[in-house]
Protein backbone atom coordinates (compact mmCIF):
# COMPACT_ATOMS: atom_id res chain seq x y z
CA UNK A 1 0.00 0.00 0.00
CA UNK A 2 1.01 3.55 0.87
CA UNK A 3 -0.74 5.45 -1.92
CA UNK A 4 -2.41 7.89 0.48
CA UNK A 5 -1.78 9.38 3.92
CA UNK A 6 -4.08 6.96 5.75
CA UNK A 7 -2.54 3.98 3.94
CA UNK A 8 0.97 5.15 4.91
CA UNK A 9 -0.14 5.43 8.54
CA UNK A 10 -1.67 1.93 8.44
CA UNK A 11 1.47 0.54 6.81
CA UNK A 12 3.69 2.12 9.47
CA UNK A 13 1.83 0.05 12.08
CA UNK A 14 2.64 -3.23 10.33
CA UNK A 15 6.21 -2.32 9.35
CA UNK A 16 7.73 -3.42 12.64
CA UNK A 17 6.84 -7.14 12.50
CA UNK A 18 7.46 -7.34 8.74
CA UNK A 19 10.90 -8.76 8.02
CA UNK A 20 10.63 -8.53 4.22
CA UNK A 21 10.00 -5.03 2.89
CA UNK A 22 9.69 -4.45 -0.85
CA UNK A 23 9.50 -1.24 -2.90
CA UNK A 24 8.28 -1.06 -6.52
CA UNK A 25 9.12 1.80 -8.91
CA UNK A 26 9.79 2.76 -12.53
CA UNK A 27 13.47 2.68 -13.50
CA UNK A 28 14.94 6.11 -14.16
CA UNK A 29 11.95 8.20 -13.13
CA UNK A 30 11.47 6.83 -9.63
CA UNK A 31 7.69 6.89 -10.12
CA UNK A 32 6.08 4.41 -7.79
CA UNK A 33 4.19 1.35 -8.96
CA UNK A 34 1.13 -0.45 -7.66
CA UNK A 35 -0.64 -3.61 -8.85
CA UNK A 36 2.59 -5.62 -8.89
CA UNK A 37 1.85 -9.33 -8.58
CA UNK A 38 3.89 -10.84 -5.75
CA UNK A 39 4.57 -14.55 -5.32
CA UNK A 40 6.77 -15.91 -2.54
CA UNK A 41 7.93 -19.50 -2.76
CA UNK A 42 9.82 -21.46 -0.14
CA UNK A 43 13.26 -22.31 -1.54
CA UNK A 44 12.20 -25.97 -1.54
CA UNK A 45 9.36 -25.19 -3.94
CA UNK A 46 5.93 -24.66 -2.36
CA UNK A 47 4.24 -21.29 -2.95
CA UNK A 48 3.60 -19.60 0.40
CA UNK A 49 1.99 -16.34 -0.72
CA UNK A 50 0.38 -14.80 -3.78
CA UNK A 51 -0.85 -11.22 -3.65
CA UNK A 52 -1.17 -7.99 -5.60
CA UNK A 53 0.51 -4.92 -4.13
CA UNK A 54 -1.88 -2.01 -3.59
CA UNK A 55 0.98 0.48 -3.70
CA UNK A 56 4.71 0.84 -4.00
CA UNK A 57 5.39 -0.75 -0.60
CA UNK A 58 4.77 -4.40 0.23
CA UNK A 59 5.54 -5.79 3.69
CA UNK A 60 5.33 -9.37 4.90
CA UNK A 61 6.48 -11.34 7.95
CA UNK A 62 8.13 -14.67 7.14
CA UNK A 63 9.89 -17.29 9.25
CA UNK A 64 13.69 -17.22 8.91
CA UNK A 65 14.80 -19.10 5.82
CA UNK A 66 15.44 -18.95 2.09
CA UNK A 67 12.72 -17.74 -0.29
CA UNK A 68 12.23 -17.11 -4.00
CA UNK A 69 10.44 -13.89 -4.98
CA UNK A 70 8.60 -13.73 -8.31
CA UNK A 71 7.40 -10.20 -9.08
CA UNK A 72 5.27 -9.41 -12.12
CA UNK A 73 4.57 -5.87 -13.29
CA UNK A 74 2.34 -5.97 -16.38
CA UNK A 75 4.08 -9.07 -17.73
CA UNK A 76 7.61 -7.93 -16.88
CA UNK A 77 8.82 -10.54 -14.39
CA UNK A 78 11.71 -10.20 -11.97
CA UNK A 79 12.94 -12.92 -9.63
CA UNK A 80 15.23 -12.85 -6.63
CA UNK A 81 16.21 -15.22 -3.86
CA UNK A 82 16.30 -13.73 -0.36
CA UNK A 83 17.44 -15.09 2.98
CA UNK A 84 15.31 -13.95 5.91
CA UNK A 85 17.49 -13.71 9.03
CA UNK A 86 16.58 -14.74 12.58
CA UNK A 87 16.31 -11.06 13.51
CA UNK A 88 16.09 -7.81 11.59
CA UNK A 89 14.52 -7.13 8.21
CA UNK A 90 15.45 -7.38 4.55
CA UNK A 91 14.63 -4.40 2.33
CA UNK A 92 14.74 -4.71 -1.45
CA UNK A 93 13.78 -2.30 -4.23
CA UNK A 94 12.62 -3.42 -7.65
CA UNK A 95 12.58 -1.22 -10.75
CA UNK A 96 10.88 -1.80 -14.09
CA UNK A 97 11.22 0.00 -17.41
CA UNK A 98 8.28 2.18 -18.42
CA UNK A 99 5.90 0.89 -21.10
C-alpha atoms as a PDB file:
ATOM      1  CA  UNK A   1       0.000   0.000   0.000  1.00  0.00           C
ATOM      2  CA  UNK A   2       1.009   3.551   0.867  1.00  0.00           C
ATOM      3  CA  UNK A   3      -0.739   5.445  -1.919  1.00  0.00           C
ATOM      4  CA  UNK A   4      -2.410   7.886   0.480  1.00  0.00           C
ATOM      5  CA  UNK A   5      -1.780   9.377   3.916  1.00  0.00           C
ATOM      6  CA  UNK A   6      -4.078   6.961   5.750  1.00  0.00           C
ATOM      7  CA  UNK A   7      -2.539   3.975   3.942  1.00  0.00           C
ATOM      8  CA  UNK A   8       0.965   5.154   4.909  1.00  0.00           C
ATOM      9  CA  UNK A   9      -0.142   5.428   8.539  1.00  0.00           C
ATOM     10  CA  UNK A  10      -1.669   1.931   8.435  1.00  0.00           C
ATOM     11  CA  UNK A  11       1.465   0.543   6.810  1.00  0.00           C
ATOM     12  CA  UNK A  12       3.689   2.117   9.467  1.00  0.00           C
ATOM     13  CA  UNK A  13       1.828   0.054  12.080  1.00  0.00           C
ATOM     14  CA  UNK A  14       2.637  -3.234  10.328  1.00  0.00           C
ATOM     15  CA  UNK A  15       6.208  -2.318   9.348  1.00  0.00           C
ATOM     16  CA  UNK A  16       7.730  -3.423  12.638  1.00  0.00           C
ATOM     17  CA  UNK A  17       6.841  -7.143  12.498  1.00  0.00           C
ATOM     18  CA  UNK A  18       7.464  -7.335   8.738  1.00  0.00           C
ATOM     19  CA  UNK A  19      10.895  -8.756   8.019  1.00  0.00           C
ATOM     20  CA  UNK A  20      10.630  -8.531   4.222  1.00  0.00           C
ATOM     21  CA  UNK A  21      10.004  -5.031   2.886  1.00  0.00           C
ATOM     22  CA  UNK A  22       9.695  -4.452  -0.847  1.00  0.00           C
ATOM     23  CA  UNK A  23       9.504  -1.239  -2.898  1.00  0.00           C
ATOM     24  CA  UNK A  24       8.281  -1.061  -6.519  1.00  0.00           C
ATOM     25  CA  UNK A  25       9.122   1.801  -8.911  1.00  0.00           C
ATOM     26  CA  UNK A  26       9.792   2.762 -12.526  1.00  0.00           C
ATOM     27  CA  UNK A  27      13.474   2.679 -13.503  1.00  0.00           C
ATOM     28  CA  UNK A  28      14.938   6.109 -14.155  1.00  0.00           C
ATOM     29  CA  UNK A  29      11.947   8.202 -13.129  1.00  0.00           C
ATOM     30  CA  UNK A  30      11.472   6.830  -9.629  1.00  0.00           C
ATOM     31  CA  UNK A  31       7.688   6.887 -10.121  1.00  0.00           C
ATOM     32  CA  UNK A  32       6.085   4.409  -7.792  1.00  0.00           C
ATOM     33  CA  UNK A  33       4.189   1.348  -8.957  1.00  0.00           C
ATOM     34  CA  UNK A  34       1.129  -0.453  -7.664  1.00  0.00           C
ATOM     35  CA  UNK A  35      -0.640  -3.612  -8.850  1.00  0.00           C
ATOM     36  CA  UNK A  36       2.589  -5.621  -8.893  1.00  0.00           C
ATOM     37  CA  UNK A  37       1.847  -9.331  -8.577  1.00  0.00           C
ATOM     38  CA  UNK A  38       3.891 -10.838  -5.752  1.00  0.00           C
ATOM     39  CA  UNK A  39       4.573 -14.552  -5.316  1.00  0.00           C
ATOM     40  CA  UNK A  40       6.772 -15.909  -2.538  1.00  0.00           C
ATOM     41  CA  UNK A  41       7.931 -19.500  -2.755  1.00  0.00           C
ATOM     42  CA  UNK A  42       9.823 -21.456  -0.136  1.00  0.00           C
ATOM     43  CA  UNK A  43      13.263 -22.314  -1.540  1.00  0.00           C
ATOM     44  CA  UNK A  44      12.205 -25.974  -1.542  1.00  0.00           C
ATOM     45  CA  UNK A  45       9.355 -25.186  -3.935  1.00  0.00           C
ATOM     46  CA  UNK A  46       5.932 -24.659  -2.358  1.00  0.00           C
ATOM     47  CA  UNK A  47       4.236 -21.293  -2.948  1.00  0.00           C
ATOM     48  CA  UNK A  48       3.596 -19.599   0.397  1.00  0.00           C
ATOM     49  CA  UNK A  49       1.988 -16.341  -0.719  1.00  0.00           C
ATOM     50  CA  UNK A  50       0.383 -14.804  -3.779  1.00  0.00           C
ATOM     51  CA  UNK A  51      -0.855 -11.224  -3.650  1.00  0.00           C
ATOM     52  CA  UNK A  52      -1.167  -7.988  -5.595  1.00  0.00           C
ATOM     53  CA  UNK A  53       0.505  -4.917  -4.132  1.00  0.00           C
ATOM     54  CA  UNK A  54      -1.882  -2.005  -3.589  1.00  0.00           C
ATOM     55  CA  UNK A  55       0.982   0.475  -3.702  1.00  0.00           C
ATOM     56  CA  UNK A  56       4.713   0.836  -3.999  1.00  0.00           C
ATOM     57  CA  UNK A  57       5.387  -0.752  -0.601  1.00  0.00           C
ATOM     58  CA  UNK A  58       4.769  -4.397   0.227  1.00  0.00           C
ATOM     59  CA  UNK A  59       5.537  -5.789   3.691  1.00  0.00           C
ATOM     60  CA  UNK A  60       5.327  -9.375   4.899  1.00  0.00           C
ATOM     61  CA  UNK A  61       6.483 -11.341   7.946  1.00  0.00           C
ATOM     62  CA  UNK A  62       8.129 -14.674   7.140  1.00  0.00           C
ATOM     63  CA  UNK A  63       9.891 -17.291   9.254  1.00  0.00           C
ATOM     64  CA  UNK A  64      13.688 -17.223   8.909  1.00  0.00           C
ATOM     65  CA  UNK A  65      14.801 -19.100   5.821  1.00  0.00           C
ATOM     66  CA  UNK A  66      15.442 -18.947   2.087  1.00  0.00           C
ATOM     67  CA  UNK A  67      12.716 -17.744  -0.290  1.00  0.00           C
ATOM     68  CA  UNK A  68      12.235 -17.106  -4.000  1.00  0.00           C
ATOM     69  CA  UNK A  69      10.436 -13.889  -4.982  1.00  0.00           C
ATOM     70  CA  UNK A  70       8.602 -13.732  -8.306  1.00  0.00           C
ATOM     71  CA  UNK A  71       7.397 -10.199  -9.080  1.00  0.00           C
ATOM     72  CA  UNK A  72       5.273  -9.412 -12.120  1.00  0.00           C
ATOM     73  CA  UNK A  73       4.574  -5.867 -13.286  1.00  0.00           C
ATOM     74  CA  UNK A  74       2.340  -5.970 -16.385  1.00  0.00           C
ATOM     75  CA  UNK A  75       4.082  -9.066 -17.730  1.00  0.00           C
ATOM     76  CA  UNK A  76       7.611  -7.930 -16.880  1.00  0.00           C
ATOM     77  CA  UNK A  77       8.820 -10.542 -14.386  1.00  0.00           C
ATOM     78  CA  UNK A  78      11.713 -10.199 -11.966  1.00  0.00           C
ATOM     79  CA  UNK A  79      12.944 -12.921  -9.633  1.00  0.00           C
ATOM     80  CA  UNK A  80      15.229 -12.847  -6.627  1.00  0.00           C
ATOM     81  CA  UNK A  81      16.214 -15.216  -3.863  1.00  0.00           C
ATOM     82  CA  UNK A  82      16.300 -13.726  -0.357  1.00  0.00           C
ATOM     83  CA  UNK A  83      17.442 -15.086   2.981  1.00  0.00           C
ATOM     84  CA  UNK A  84      15.308 -13.948   5.910  1.00  0.00           C
ATOM     85  CA  UNK A  85      17.489 -13.708   9.032  1.00  0.00           C
ATOM     86  CA  UNK A  86      16.576 -14.741  12.580  1.00  0.00           C
ATOM     87  CA  UNK A  87      16.308 -11.057  13.507  1.00  0.00           C
ATOM     88  CA  UNK A  88      16.086  -7.811  11.593  1.00  0.00           C
ATOM     89  CA  UNK A  89      14.523  -7.132   8.214  1.00  0.00           C
ATOM     90  CA  UNK A  90      15.447  -7.376   4.548  1.00  0.00           C
ATOM     91  CA  UNK A  91      14.628  -4.396   2.330  1.00  0.00           C
ATOM     92  CA  UNK A  92      14.737  -4.710  -1.449  1.00  0.00           C
ATOM     93  CA  UNK A  93      13.777  -2.297  -4.229  1.00  0.00           C
ATOM     94  CA  UNK A  94      12.624  -3.416  -7.654  1.00  0.00           C
ATOM     95  CA  UNK A  95      12.578  -1.215 -10.753  1.00  0.00           C
ATOM     96  CA  UNK A  96      10.884  -1.797 -14.087  1.00  0.00           C
ATOM     97  CA  UNK A  97      11.218  -0.003 -17.408  1.00  0.00           C
ATOM     98  CA  UNK A  98       8.280   2.182 -18.420  1.00  0.00           C
ATOM     99  CA  UNK A  99       5.900   0.890 -21.096  1.00  0.00           C
END
